[in-house]
Each structure stands twice: as structure tokens, then as C-alpha cells.
PDB file of N, CA and C in Angstrom:
ATOM      1  N   MET A   1      68.870 -50.539 -72.876  1.00  0.00           N
ATOM      2  CA  MET A   1      69.027 -51.110 -71.635  1.00  0.00           C
ATOM      3  C   MET A   1      69.661 -52.454 -71.701  1.00  0.00           C
ATOM      4  N   VAL A   2      69.353 -53.355 -72.896  1.00  0.00           N
ATOM      5  CA  VAL A   2      69.819 -54.537 -73.068  1.00  0.00           C
ATOM      6  C   VAL A   2      71.368 -54.486 -73.339  1.00  0.00           C
ATOM      7  N   ALA A   3      71.755 -53.474 -74.059  1.00  0.00           N
ATOM      8  CA  ALA A   3      73.073 -53.151 -74.463  1.00  0.00           C
ATOM      9  C   ALA A   3      74.051 -52.989 -73.185  1.00  0.00           C
ATOM     10  N   GLU A   4      73.401 -52.161 -72.283  1.00  0.00           N
ATOM     11  CA  GLU A   4      74.192 -51.749 -71.139  1.00  0.00           C
ATOM     12  C   GLU A   4      74.399 -53.033 -70.210  1.00  0.00           C
ATOM     13  N   ARG A   5      73.316 -53.809 -70.258  1.00  0.00           N
ATOM     14  CA  ARG A   5      73.405 -55.064 -69.311  1.00  0.00           C
ATOM     15  C   ARG A   5      74.587 -56.103 -69.902  1.00  0.00           C
ATOM     16  N   SER A   6      74.558 -56.122 -71.438  1.00  0.00           N
ATOM     17  CA  SER A   6      75.595 -56.974 -72.089  1.00  0.00           C
ATOM     18  C   SER A   6      76.922 -56.483 -71.837  1.00  0.00           C
ATOM     19  N   ALA A   7      77.000 -55.102 -71.966  1.00  0.00           N
ATOM     20  CA  ALA A   7      78.278 -54.576 -71.657  1.00  0.00           C
ATOM     21  C   ALA A   7      78.845 -54.803 -70.323  1.00  0.00           C
ATOM     22  N   LYS A   8      77.842 -54.660 -69.244  1.00  0.00           N
ATOM     23  CA  LYS A   8      78.301 -55.017 -67.805  1.00  0.00           C
ATOM     24  C   LYS A   8      78.809 -56.489 -67.728  1.00  0.00           C
ATOM     25  N   ILE A   9      78.006 -57.287 -68.348  1.00  0.00           N
ATOM     26  CA  ILE A   9      78.472 -58.776 -68.200  1.00  0.00           C
ATOM     27  C   ILE A   9      79.775 -59.038 -68.962  1.00  0.00           C
ATOM     28  N   GLN A  10      80.173 -58.236 -69.954  1.00  0.00           N
ATOM     29  CA  GLN A  10      81.390 -58.332 -70.727  1.00  0.00           C
ATOM     30  C   GLN A  10      82.598 -57.931 -69.770  1.00  0.00           C
ATOM     31  N   LYS A  11      82.209 -56.702 -69.099  1.00  0.00           N
ATOM     32  CA  LYS A  11      83.142 -56.071 -68.177  1.00  0.00           C
ATOM     33  C   LYS A  11      83.330 -56.961 -66.959  1.00  0.00           C
ATOM     34  N   LEU A  12      82.412 -57.618 -66.530  1.00  0.00           N
ATOM     35  CA  LEU A  12      82.585 -58.587 -65.311  1.00  0.00           C
ATOM     36  C   LEU A  12      83.473 -59.834 -65.664  1.00  0.00           C
ATOM     37  N   VAL A  13      83.236 -60.182 -66.925  1.00  0.00           N
ATOM     38  CA  VAL A  13      84.054 -61.357 -67.453  1.00  0.00           C
ATOM     39  C   VAL A  13      85.414 -60.790 -67.546  1.00  0.00           C
ATOM     40  N   GLU A  14      85.744 -59.710 -68.112  1.00  0.00           N
ATOM     41  CA  GLU A  14      87.113 -59.086 -68.174  1.00  0.00           C
ATOM     42  C   GLU A  14      87.696 -59.014 -66.862  1.00  0.00           C
ATOM     43  N   LEU A  15      86.955 -58.644 -65.859  1.00  0.00           N
ATOM     44  CA  LEU A  15      87.530 -58.265 -64.595  1.00  0.00           C
ATOM     45  C   LEU A  15      87.827 -59.739 -63.947  1.00  0.00           C
ATOM     46  N   GLY A  16      86.955 -60.719 -64.243  1.00  0.00           N
ATOM     47  CA  GLY A  16      87.301 -62.000 -63.645  1.00  0.00           C
ATOM     48  C   GLY A  16      88.429 -62.741 -64.242  1.00  0.00           C
ATOM     49  N   GLU A  17      88.684 -62.462 -65.670  1.00  0.00           N
ATOM     50  CA  GLU A  17      89.811 -62.990 -66.348  1.00  0.00           C
ATOM     51  C   GLU A  17      91.162 -62.375 -65.761  1.00  0.00           C
ATOM     52  N   ALA A  18      90.945 -60.955 -65.432  1.00  0.00           N
ATOM     53  CA  ALA A  18      92.246 -60.233 -64.952  1.00  0.00           C
ATOM     54  C   ALA A  18      92.543 -60.720 -63.472  1.00  0.00           C
ATOM     55  N   ALA A  19      91.473 -61.079 -62.753  1.00  0.00           N
ATOM     56  CA  ALA A  19      91.691 -61.616 -61.253  1.00  0.00           C
ATOM     57  C   ALA A  19      92.310 -62.945 -61.532  1.00  0.00           C
ATOM     58  N   HIS A  20      91.631 -63.726 -62.349  1.00  0.00           N
ATOM     59  CA  HIS A  20      92.386 -65.138 -62.582  1.00  0.00           C
ATOM     60  C   HIS A  20      93.777 -65.115 -62.953  1.00  0.00           C
ATOM     61  N   LEU A  21      94.101 -64.136 -63.815  1.00  0.00           N
ATOM     62  CA  LEU A  21      95.629 -63.813 -64.195  1.00  0.00           C
ATOM     63  C   LEU A  21      96.452 -63.597 -62.966  1.00  0.00           C
ATOM     64  N   LEU A  22      95.914 -62.783 -62.149  1.00  0.00           N
ATOM     65  CA  LEU A  22      96.703 -62.427 -60.820  1.00  0.00           C
ATOM     66  C   LEU A  22      96.967 -63.598 -60.059  1.00  0.00           C
ATOM     67  N   PHE A  23      95.954 -64.611 -59.829  1.00  0.00           N
ATOM     68  CA  PHE A  23      96.134 -65.745 -59.048  1.00  0.00           C
ATOM     69  C   PHE A  23      97.280 -66.660 -59.710  1.00  0.00           C
ATOM     70  N   ARG A  24      97.171 -66.589 -60.970  1.00  0.00           N
ATOM     71  CA  ARG A  24      98.187 -67.673 -61.694  1.00  0.00           C
ATOM     72  C   ARG A  24      99.415 -67.124 -61.854  1.00  0.00           C
ATOM     73  N   THR A  25      99.637 -65.815 -62.159  1.00  0.00           N
ATOM     74  CA  THR A  25     101.078 -65.329 -62.420  1.00  0.00           C
ATOM     75  C   THR A  25     101.430 -64.326 -61.472  1.00  0.00           C
ATOM     76  N   LYS A  26     100.625 -63.772 -60.657  1.00  0.00           N
ATOM     77  CA  LYS A  26     100.837 -62.732 -59.723  1.00  0.00           C
ATOM     78  C   LYS A  26     101.462 -61.478 -60.445  1.00  0.00           C
ATOM     79  N   LYS A  27     100.996 -61.258 -61.689  1.00  0.00           N
ATOM     80  CA  LYS A  27     101.420 -60.202 -62.630  1.00  0.00           C
ATOM     81  C   LYS A  27     100.242 -59.534 -63.146  1.00  0.00           C
ATOM     82  N   VAL A  28      99.599 -58.641 -62.682  1.00  0.00           N
ATOM     83  CA  VAL A  28      98.485 -58.027 -63.184  1.00  0.00           C
ATOM     84  C   VAL A  28      98.499 -56.484 -63.155  1.00  0.00           C
ATOM     85  N   ASP A  29      98.039 -55.817 -64.066  1.00  0.00           N
ATOM     86  CA  ASP A  29      98.083 -54.457 -64.080  1.00  0.00           C
ATOM     87  C   ASP A  29      96.914 -53.899 -63.158  1.00  0.00           C
ATOM     88  N   ARG A  30      97.295 -53.215 -61.995  1.00  0.00           N
ATOM     89  CA  ARG A  30      96.265 -52.752 -61.118  1.00  0.00           C
ATOM     90  C   ARG A  30      95.399 -51.571 -61.712  1.00  0.00           C
ATOM     91  N   GLU A  31      95.969 -50.823 -62.466  1.00  0.00           N
ATOM     92  CA  GLU A  31      95.357 -49.728 -63.084  1.00  0.00           C
ATOM     93  C   GLU A  31      94.321 -50.310 -64.081  1.00  0.00           C
ATOM     94  N   ALA A  32      94.487 -51.300 -64.807  1.00  0.00           N
ATOM     95  CA  ALA A  32      93.630 -51.928 -65.623  1.00  0.00           C
ATOM     96  C   ALA A  32      92.497 -52.495 -64.839  1.00  0.00           C
ATOM     97  N   LEU A  33      92.699 -53.077 -63.610  1.00  0.00           N
ATOM     98  CA  LEU A  33      91.617 -53.548 -62.879  1.00  0.00           C
ATOM     99  C   LEU A  33      90.746 -52.438 -62.281  1.00  0.00           C
ATOM    100  N   LEU A  34      91.339 -51.429 -61.947  1.00  0.00           N
ATOM    101  CA  LEU A  34      90.671 -50.205 -61.300  1.00  0.00           C
ATOM    102  C   LEU A  34      89.790 -49.739 -62.561  1.00  0.00           C
ATOM    103  N   LYS A  35      90.257 -49.653 -63.719  1.00  0.00           N
ATOM    104  CA  LYS A  35      89.415 -49.048 -64.927  1.00  0.00           C
ATOM    105  C   LYS A  35      88.206 -50.041 -65.151  1.00  0.00           C
ATOM    106  N   LEU A  36      88.484 -51.325 -65.132  1.00  0.00           N
ATOM    107  CA  LEU A  36      87.327 -52.307 -65.269  1.00  0.00           C
ATOM    108  C   LEU A  36      86.290 -52.196 -64.275  1.00  0.00           C
ATOM    109  N   SER A  37      86.814 -51.857 -63.050  1.00  0.00           N
ATOM    110  CA  SER A  37      85.869 -51.837 -61.851  1.00  0.00           C
ATOM    111  C   SER A  37      85.056 -50.530 -62.158  1.00  0.00           C
ATOM    112  N   GLN A  38      85.694 -49.456 -62.492  1.00  0.00           N
ATOM    113  CA  GLN A  38      85.007 -48.063 -62.663  1.00  0.00           C
ATOM    114  C   GLN A  38      84.005 -48.253 -63.892  1.00  0.00           C
ATOM    115  N   ASP A  39      84.387 -48.954 -64.915  1.00  0.00           N
ATOM    116  CA  ASP A  39      83.515 -49.224 -66.086  1.00  0.00           C
ATOM    117  C   ASP A  39      82.234 -49.833 -65.525  1.00  0.00           C
ATOM    118  N   ILE A  40      82.372 -50.937 -64.691  1.00  0.00           N
ATOM    119  CA  ILE A  40      81.267 -51.718 -64.079  1.00  0.00           C
ATOM    120  C   ILE A  40      80.325 -50.853 -63.470  1.00  0.00           C
ATOM    121  N   ILE A  41      80.867 -49.986 -62.454  1.00  0.00           N
ATOM    122  CA  ILE A  41      80.099 -49.031 -61.610  1.00  0.00           C
ATOM    123  C   ILE A  41      79.325 -48.093 -62.568  1.00  0.00           C
ATOM    124  N   ASP A  42      79.987 -47.485 -63.633  1.00  0.00           N
ATOM    125  CA  ASP A  42      79.333 -46.572 -64.434  1.00  0.00           C
ATOM    126  C   ASP A  42      78.282 -47.317 -65.195  1.00  0.00           C
ATOM    127  N   LEU A  43      78.390 -48.509 -65.686  1.00  0.00           N
ATOM    128  CA  LEU A  43      77.322 -49.364 -66.287  1.00  0.00           C
ATOM    129  C   LEU A  43      76.175 -49.583 -65.226  1.00  0.00           C
ATOM    130  N   GLU A  44      76.591 -49.831 -64.150  1.00  0.00           N
ATOM    131  CA  GLU A  44      75.508 -50.214 -63.101  1.00  0.00           C
ATOM    132  C   GLU A  44      74.401 -49.008 -62.929  1.00  0.00           C
ATOM    133  N   LYS A  45      75.163 -47.889 -62.931  1.00  0.00           N
ATOM    134  CA  LYS A  45      74.456 -46.459 -62.924  1.00  0.00           C
ATOM    135  C   LYS A  45      73.364 -46.525 -64.017  1.00  0.00           C
ATOM    136  N   THR A  46      73.876 -46.731 -65.231  1.00  0.00           N
ATOM    137  CA  THR A  46      72.906 -46.672 -66.389  1.00  0.00           C
ATOM    138  C   THR A  46      71.845 -47.840 -66.211  1.00  0.00           C
ATOM    139  N   VAL A  47      72.198 -48.943 -65.915  1.00  0.00           N
ATOM    140  CA  VAL A  47      71.222 -49.993 -65.871  1.00  0.00           C
ATOM    141  C   VAL A  47      70.123 -49.886 -64.759  1.00  0.00           C
ATOM    142  N   ASN A  48      70.596 -49.535 -63.440  1.00  0.00           N
ATOM    143  CA  ASN A  48      69.768 -49.329 -62.487  1.00  0.00           C
ATOM    144  C   ASN A  48      68.989 -47.972 -62.450  1.00  0.00           C
ATOM    145  N   ALA A  49      69.297 -47.054 -63.066  1.00  0.00           N
ATOM    146  CA  ALA A  49      68.728 -45.834 -62.994  1.00  0.00           C
ATOM    147  C   ALA A  49      67.093 -45.869 -63.162  1.00  0.00           C
ATOM    148  N   PRO A  50      66.665 -46.588 -64.053  1.00  0.00           N
ATOM    149  CA  PRO A  50      65.073 -46.711 -64.087  1.00  0.00           C
ATOM    150  C   PRO A  50      64.482 -47.401 -62.984  1.00  0.00           C
ATOM    151  N   LEU A  51      65.260 -47.848 -62.001  1.00  0.00           N
ATOM    152  CA  LEU A  51      64.713 -48.554 -60.900  1.00  0.00           C
ATOM    153  C   LEU A  51      64.228 -47.534 -59.749  1.00  0.00           C
ATOM    154  N   GLY A  52      64.708 -46.237 -59.974  1.00  0.00           N
ATOM    155  CA  GLY A  52      64.393 -45.152 -58.925  1.00  0.00           C
ATOM    156  C   GLY A  52      65.615 -44.741 -58.316  1.00  0.00           C
ATOM    157  N   LYS A  53      66.345 -43.707 -58.839  1.00  0.00           N
ATOM    158  CA  LYS A  53      67.448 -43.304 -58.362  1.00  0.00           C
ATOM    159  C   LYS A  53      67.107 -42.276 -57.203  1.00  0.00           C
ATOM    160  N   LEU A  54      65.984 -41.722 -57.249  1.00  0.00           N
ATOM    161  CA  LEU A  54      65.573 -40.796 -56.150  1.00  0.00           C
ATOM    162  C   LEU A  54      65.093 -41.388 -54.926  1.00  0.00           C
ATOM    163  N   PRO A  55      65.331 -40.794 -53.786  1.00  0.00           N
ATOM    164  CA  PRO A  55      64.760 -41.440 -52.479  1.00  0.00           C
ATOM    165  C   PRO A  55      63.314 -41.374 -52.670  1.00  0.00           C
ATOM    166  N   PRO A  56      62.494 -42.598 -51.968  1.00  0.00           N
ATOM    167  CA  PRO A  56      61.209 -42.555 -52.164  1.00  0.00           C
ATOM    168  C   PRO A  56      60.442 -41.469 -51.492  1.00  0.00           C
ATOM    169  N   ASN A  57      59.224 -41.248 -51.927  1.00  0.00           N
ATOM    170  CA  ASN A  57      58.324 -40.346 -51.364  1.00  0.00           C
ATOM    171  C   ASN A  57      57.145 -40.919 -50.635  1.00  0.00           C
ATOM    172  N   ARG A  58      56.919 -40.640 -49.530  1.00  0.00           N
ATOM    173  CA  ARG A  58      55.730 -41.185 -48.773  1.00  0.00           C
ATOM    174  C   ARG A  58      54.495 -40.985 -49.596  1.00  0.00           C
ATOM    175  N   ALA A  59      54.232 -39.889 -50.088  1.00  0.00           N
ATOM    176  CA  ALA A  59      52.984 -39.569 -50.912  1.00  0.00           C
ATOM    177  C   ALA A  59      52.619 -40.495 -51.978  1.00  0.00           C
ATOM    178  N   ASP A  60      53.672 -41.158 -52.631  1.00  0.00           N
ATOM    179  CA  ASP A  60      53.516 -42.015 -53.671  1.00  0.00           C
ATOM    180  C   ASP A  60      52.734 -43.273 -53.327  1.00  0.00           C
ATOM    181  N   GLY A  61      52.705 -43.477 -51.992  1.00  0.00           N
ATOM    182  CA  GLY A  61      51.949 -44.721 -51.388  1.00  0.00           C
ATOM    183  C   GLY A  61      52.590 -46.133 -51.769  1.00  0.00           C
ATOM    184  N   LEU A  62      53.827 -46.107 -52.056  1.00  0.00           N
ATOM    185  CA  LEU A  62      54.535 -47.405 -52.398  1.00  0.00           C
ATOM    186  C   LEU A  62      55.593 -47.624 -51.324  1.00  0.00           C
ATOM    187  N   CYS A  63      55.724 -48.897 -51.050  1.00  0.00           N
ATOM    188  CA  CYS A  63      56.683 -49.365 -50.024  1.00  0.00           C
ATOM    189  C   CYS A  63      57.975 -49.087 -50.404  1.00  0.00           C
ATOM    190  N   PRO A  64      58.931 -48.297 -49.786  1.00  0.00           N
ATOM    191  CA  PRO A  64      60.300 -48.072 -50.230  1.00  0.00           C
ATOM    192  C   PRO A  64      61.098 -49.279 -50.246  1.00  0.00           C
ATOM    193  N   ASN A  65      60.732 -50.360 -49.663  1.00  0.00           N
ATOM    194  CA  ASN A  65      61.562 -51.471 -49.771  1.00  0.00           C
ATOM    195  C   ASN A  65      61.291 -52.456 -50.889  1.00  0.00           C
ATOM    196  N   CYS A  66      60.071 -52.773 -51.038  1.00  0.00           N
ATOM    197  CA  CYS A  66      59.637 -53.842 -52.134  1.00  0.00           C
ATOM    198  C   CYS A  66      58.723 -53.154 -53.130  1.00  0.00           C
ATOM    199  N   GLY A  67      58.403 -52.031 -53.012  1.00  0.00           N
ATOM    200  CA  GLY A  67      57.597 -51.209 -54.134  1.00  0.00           C
ATOM    201  C   GLY A  67      56.223 -51.495 -54.336  1.00  0.00           C
ATOM    202  N   ILE A  68      55.439 -52.273 -53.421  1.00  0.00           N
ATOM    203  CA  ILE A  68      54.183 -52.576 -53.714  1.00  0.00           C
ATOM    204  C   ILE A  68      53.305 -51.464 -53.101  1.00  0.00           C
ATOM    205  N   ALA A  69      52.061 -51.247 -53.630  1.00  0.00           N
ATOM    206  CA  ALA A  69      51.242 -50.206 -53.089  1.00  0.00           C
ATOM    207  C   ALA A  69      50.733 -50.625 -51.698  1.00  0.00           C
ATOM    208  N   CYS A  70      50.885 -49.710 -50.665  1.00  0.00           N
ATOM    209  CA  CYS A  70      50.438 -50.039 -49.318  1.00  0.00           C
ATOM    210  C   CYS A  70      49.589 -48.846 -48.856  1.00  0.00           C
ATOM    211  N   GLY A  71      49.505 -47.743 -49.766  1.00  0.00           N
ATOM    212  CA  GLY A  71      48.657 -46.595 -49.272  1.00  0.00           C
ATOM    213  C   GLY A  71      49.048 -45.880 -48.051  1.00  0.00           C
ATOM    214  N   GLY A  72      48.372 -45.712 -47.056  1.00  0.00           N
ATOM    215  CA  GLY A  72      48.878 -44.946 -45.905  1.00  0.00           C
ATOM    216  C   GLY A  72      49.080 -45.918 -44.692  1.00  0.00           C
ATOM    217  N   ALA A  73      49.297 -47.140 -44.987  1.00  0.00           N
ATOM    218  CA  ALA A  73      49.363 -48.175 -43.897  1.00  0.00           C
ATOM    219  C   ALA A  73      50.789 -47.844 -43.238  1.00  0.00           C
ATOM    220  N   ALA A  74      50.820 -48.247 -41.930  1.00  0.00           N
ATOM    221  CA  ALA A  74      51.962 -48.048 -41.048  1.00  0.00           C
ATOM    222  C   ALA A  74      53.008 -49.246 -41.436  1.00  0.00           C
ATOM    223  N   PHE A  75      52.558 -50.253 -41.851  1.00  0.00           N
ATOM    224  CA  PHE A  75      53.475 -51.474 -42.157  1.00  0.00           C
ATOM    225  C   PHE A  75      53.147 -51.925 -43.511  1.00  0.00           C
ATOM    226  N   CYS A  76      54.091 -52.363 -44.325  1.00  0.00           N
ATOM    227  CA  CYS A  76      53.941 -52.921 -45.603  1.00  0.00           C
ATOM    228  C   CYS A  76      53.288 -54.168 -45.510  1.00  0.00           C
ATOM    229  N   THR A  77      52.231 -54.525 -46.372  1.00  0.00           N
ATOM    230  CA  THR A  77      51.584 -55.791 -46.333  1.00  0.00           C
ATOM    231  C   THR A  77      52.440 -56.873 -47.063  1.00  0.00           C
ATOM    232  N   GLY A  78      53.323 -56.423 -47.856  1.00  0.00           N
ATOM    233  CA  GLY A  78      54.251 -57.252 -48.651  1.00  0.00           C
ATOM    234  C   GLY A  78      55.464 -57.879 -47.937  1.00  0.00           C
ATOM    235  N   CYS A  79      56.257 -56.953 -47.409  1.00  0.00           N
ATOM    236  CA  CYS A  79      57.574 -57.305 -46.790  1.00  0.00           C
ATOM    237  C   CYS A  79      57.519 -57.002 -45.349  1.00  0.00           C
ATOM    238  N   GLY A  80      56.583 -56.322 -44.643  1.00  0.00           N
ATOM    239  CA  GLY A  80      56.571 -55.931 -43.408  1.00  0.00           C
ATOM    240  C   GLY A  80      57.151 -54.689 -42.846  1.00  0.00           C
ATOM    241  N   LEU A  81      57.873 -54.064 -43.778  1.00  0.00           N
ATOM    242  CA  LEU A  81      58.589 -52.799 -43.505  1.00  0.00           C
ATOM    243  C   LEU A  81      57.724 -51.899 -42.575  1.00  0.00           C
ATOM    244  N   ASN A  82      58.261 -51.473 -41.579  1.00  0.00           N
ATOM    245  CA  ASN A  82      57.769 -50.331 -40.827  1.00  0.00           C
ATOM    246  C   ASN A  82      57.866 -48.882 -41.524  1.00  0.00           C
ATOM    247  N   ILE A  83      56.814 -48.519 -42.252  1.00  0.00           N
ATOM    248  CA  ILE A  83      56.899 -47.479 -43.101  1.00  0.00           C
ATOM    249  C   ILE A  83      57.057 -46.135 -42.429  1.00  0.00           C
ATOM    250  N   ASP A  84      56.263 -46.053 -41.215  1.00  0.00           N
ATOM    251  CA  ASP A  84      56.318 -44.697 -40.345  1.00  0.00           C
ATOM    252  C   ASP A  84      57.951 -44.686 -40.001  1.00  0.00           C
ATOM    253  N   GLU A  85      58.525 -45.641 -39.573  1.00  0.00           N
ATOM    254  CA  GLU A  85      59.978 -45.817 -38.907  1.00  0.00           C
ATOM    255  C   GLU A  85      60.741 -45.215 -40.054  1.00  0.00           C
ATOM    256  N   PHE A  86      60.608 -45.864 -41.312  1.00  0.00           N
ATOM    257  CA  PHE A  86      61.506 -45.661 -42.560  1.00  0.00           C
ATOM    258  C   PHE A  86      61.496 -44.253 -42.802  1.00  0.00           C
ATOM    259  N   PHE A  87      60.232 -43.467 -42.882  1.00  0.00           N
ATOM    260  CA  PHE A  87      60.196 -42.149 -43.267  1.00  0.00           C
ATOM    261  C   PHE A  87      60.732 -40.961 -42.035  1.00  0.00           C
ATOM    262  N   THR A  88      60.776 -41.523 -40.892  1.00  0.00           N
ATOM    263  CA  THR A  88      61.339 -40.697 -39.782  1.00  0.00           C
ATOM    264  C   THR A  88      62.951 -40.919 -39.770  1.00  0.00           C
ATOM    265  N   ARG A  89      63.501 -41.955 -40.290  1.00  0.00           N
ATOM    266  CA  ARG A  89      64.857 -42.006 -40.164  1.00  0.00           C
ATOM    267  C   ARG A  89      65.560 -41.053 -41.307  1.00  0.00           C
ATOM    268  N   PRO A  90      66.730 -40.688 -41.204  1.00  0.00           N
ATOM    269  CA  PRO A  90      67.287 -39.916 -42.310  1.00  0.00           C
ATOM    270  C   PRO A  90      67.515 -40.944 -43.648  1.00  0.00           C
ATOM    271  N   ILE A  91      67.399 -40.306 -44.786  1.00  0.00           N
ATOM    272  CA  ILE A  91      67.618 -41.079 -45.951  1.00  0.00           C
ATOM    273  C   ILE A  91      68.915 -40.687 -46.550  1.00  0.00           C
ATOM    274  N   LEU A  92      69.910 -41.587 -46.626  1.00  0.00           N
ATOM    275  CA  LEU A  92      71.277 -41.361 -47.067  1.00  0.00           C
ATOM    276  C   LEU A  92      71.281 -41.766 -48.392  1.00  0.00           C
ATOM    277  N   VAL A  93      72.121 -41.143 -49.395  1.00  0.00           N
ATOM    278  CA  VAL A  93      72.271 -41.380 -50.630  1.00  0.00           C
ATOM    279  C   VAL A  93      73.873 -41.821 -50.851  1.00  0.00           C
ATOM    280  N   CYS A  94      74.110 -42.627 -51.592  1.00  0.00           N
ATOM    281  CA  CYS A  94      75.348 -43.109 -51.994  1.00  0.00           C
ATOM    282  C   CYS A  94      75.971 -42.087 -53.010  1.00  0.00           C
ATOM    283  N   ARG A  95      77.203 -41.506 -52.571  1.00  0.00           N
ATOM    284  CA  ARG A  95      77.854 -40.404 -53.416  1.00  0.00           C
ATOM    285  C   ARG A  95      78.322 -40.906 -54.691  1.00  0.00           C
ATOM    286  N   ALA A  96      78.540 -42.238 -54.812  1.00  0.00           N
ATOM    287  CA  ALA A  96      79.074 -42.732 -56.203  1.00  0.00           C
ATOM    288  C   ALA A  96      78.033 -42.856 -57.135  1.00  0.00           C
ATOM    289  N   CYS A  97      76.847 -43.523 -56.734  1.00  0.00           N
ATOM    290  CA  CYS A  97      75.741 -43.882 -57.753  1.00  0.00           C
ATOM    291  C   CYS A  97      74.429 -43.244 -57.515  1.00  0.00           C
ATOM    292  N   GLY A  98      74.211 -42.683 -56.232  1.00  0.00           N
ATOM    293  CA  GLY A  98      73.030 -41.888 -56.001  1.00  0.00           C
ATOM    294  C   GLY A  98      72.049 -42.776 -55.469  1.00  0.00           C
ATOM    295  N   PHE A  99      71.975 -44.015 -55.253  1.00  0.00           N
ATOM    296  CA  PHE A  99      71.029 -44.827 -54.709  1.00  0.00           C
ATOM    297  C   PHE A  99      71.035 -44.735 -53.280  1.00  0.00           C
ATOM    298  N   MET A 100      69.854 -45.204 -52.638  1.00  0.00           N
ATOM    299  CA  MET A 100      69.660 -45.115 -51.173  1.00  0.00           C
ATOM    300  C   MET A 100      70.578 -45.949 -50.425  1.00  0.00           C
ATOM    301  N   VAL A 101      71.087 -45.665 -49.350  1.00  0.00           N
ATOM    302  CA  VAL A 101      71.963 -46.417 -48.509  1.00  0.00           C
ATOM    303  C   VAL A 101      71.426 -46.127 -46.967  1.00  0.00           C
ATOM    304  N   ALA A 102      71.200 -47.350 -46.336  1.00  0.00           N
ATOM    305  CA  ALA A 102      70.744 -47.274 -44.950  1.00  0.00           C
ATOM    306  C   ALA A 102      71.826 -46.847 -44.084  1.00  0.00           C
ATOM    307  N   GLU A 103      71.412 -46.226 -43.070  1.00  0.00           N
ATOM    308  CA  GLU A 103      72.310 -45.545 -42.128  1.00  0.00           C
ATOM    309  C   GLU A 103      73.277 -46.548 -41.569  1.00  0.00           C
ATOM    310  N   GLU A 104      72.882 -47.692 -41.332  1.00  0.00           N
ATOM    311  CA  GLU A 104      73.757 -48.891 -40.731  1.00  0.00           C
ATOM    312  C   GLU A 104      74.686 -49.505 -41.780  1.00  0.00           C
ATOM    313  N   ASP A 105      74.275 -49.344 -43.034  1.00  0.00           N
ATOM    314  CA  ASP A 105      75.142 -49.953 -44.196  1.00  0.00           C
ATOM    315  C   ASP A 105      76.471 -49.197 -44.296  1.00  0.00           C
ATOM    316  N   VAL A 106      77.550 -49.894 -44.484  1.00  0.00           N
ATOM    317  CA  VAL A 106      78.903 -49.602 -44.495  1.00  0.00           C
ATOM    318  C   VAL A 106      79.168 -49.471 -46.094  1.00  0.00           C
ATOM    319  N   TYR A 107      78.728 -50.327 -46.990  1.00  0.00           N
ATOM    320  CA  TYR A 107      78.732 -50.218 -48.285  1.00  0.00           C
ATOM    321  C   TYR A 107      77.540 -50.154 -49.030  1.00  0.00           C
ATOM    322  N   CYS A 108      77.507 -49.435 -50.238  1.00  0.00           N
ATOM    323  CA  CYS A 108      76.335 -49.422 -51.074  1.00  0.00           C
ATOM    324  C   CYS A 108      75.960 -50.732 -51.688  1.00  0.00           C
ATOM    325  N   GLY A 109      74.554 -51.090 -51.601  1.00  0.00           N
ATOM    326  CA  GLY A 109      74.168 -52.411 -52.160  1.00  0.00           C
ATOM    327  C   GLY A 109      74.016 -52.422 -53.685  1.00  0.00           C
ATOM    328  N   ILE A 110      74.373 -51.243 -54.435  1.00  0.00           N
ATOM    329  CA  ILE A 110      74.167 -51.099 -55.743  1.00  0.00           C
ATOM    330  C   ILE A 110      75.541 -51.204 -56.365  1.00  0.00           C
ATOM    331  N   CYS A 111      76.469 -50.268 -55.928  1.00  0.00           N
ATOM    332  CA  CYS A 111      77.739 -50.211 -56.625  1.00  0.00           C
ATOM    333  C   CYS A 111      78.821 -50.722 -55.687  1.00  0.00           C
ATOM    334  N   GLY A 112      78.663 -50.979 -54.473  1.00  0.00           N
ATOM    335  CA  GLY A 112      79.774 -51.479 -53.669  1.00  0.00           C
ATOM    336  C   GLY A 112      80.654 -50.431 -53.196  1.00  0.00           C
ATOM    337  N   SER A 113      80.441 -49.143 -53.206  1.00  0.00           N
ATOM    338  CA  SER A 113      81.169 -48.128 -52.722  1.00  0.00           C
ATOM    339  C   SER A 113      81.053 -47.966 -51.233  1.00  0.00           C
ATOM    340  N   LYS A 114      82.064 -47.685 -50.603  1.00  0.00           N
ATOM    341  CA  LYS A 114      82.016 -47.539 -49.153  1.00  0.00           C
ATOM    342  C   LYS A 114      81.424 -46.118 -48.916  1.00  0.00           C
ATOM    343  N   ARG A 115      80.408 -46.312 -47.987  1.00  0.00           N
ATOM    344  CA  ARG A 115      79.603 -45.147 -47.451  1.00  0.00           C
ATOM    345  C   ARG A 115      80.414 -44.232 -46.668  1.00  0.00           C
ATOM    346  N   GLU A 116      80.429 -42.927 -47.043  1.00  0.00           N
ATOM    347  CA  GLU A 116      81.266 -41.825 -46.293  1.00  0.00           C
ATOM    348  C   GLU A 116      80.285 -41.325 -45.313  1.00  0.00           C
ATOM    349  N   GLU A 117      80.919 -40.890 -44.121  1.00  0.00           N
ATOM    350  CA  GLU A 117      80.122 -40.036 -43.144  1.00  0.00           C
ATOM    351  C   GLU A 117      79.419 -38.935 -43.836  1.00  0.00           C
ATOM    352  N   GLN A 118      78.199 -38.724 -43.595  1.00  0.00           N
ATOM    353  CA  GLN A 118      77.375 -37.539 -44.134  1.00  0.00           C
ATOM    354  C   GLN A 118      76.913 -36.652 -43.072  1.00  0.00           C
TER     355      GLN A 118
END
């Protein structure tokens, strides 16, 4: 996991350097930028997978927003999320990385991909 995080940081540095080059010279390889961006998305999938790629399950008794144990409560005592409302709304999943995306979100908060209509 540490190696993947280090690799992600290195790719972000490379992407930043390429963007800086664009502003200085207006000559940058678009394909190289797209490749670096995809590499970062792939690394984020690996790094974030242990955080819980699957949609939450009400039976586990954990708040789907902050992860603290709240048993069968209607509201989370940690963040105040209306748990009943959360589990009655449809749970959407990002097609790029597989993480949860709220219905009102346009972009995934993990990989930044634009959410497609599902």
C-alpha cells in the first residue's frame, strides 16, 4: 500500500510538471497527460480499495458516511446523517472506480470521473 501511495505521488508530480510545461511553452503532449491521468486513477483504485469499494450494508450497523457504529439508530451520532433516508435512496456506483456516488453528484469524489446517467 505504501508503494502505491508513493507511486501516486510521483505520478501527480509528473502530471504537475507536464502542466507547468504547458503553461510555459504551450507545447505539451496531450496523450502523455492523458496517460499520466489514467495511471493516477488506476493507483487511486488500488490505494482506496481497502476503504470499502462496495456500497454500505445497513445490517453492518456502521454509518455509511463516517463509518462509526450507530447500531439501528435513525441518525448517526457522529456526523448526523439521516441513515433511514440514506438507505431508501438509490446507491449509485462510479463506473470508473466502483466507489459510491451520490445521486446529486456530477463527478466521483474518489477518481474525478464524470458520473454517467444510470
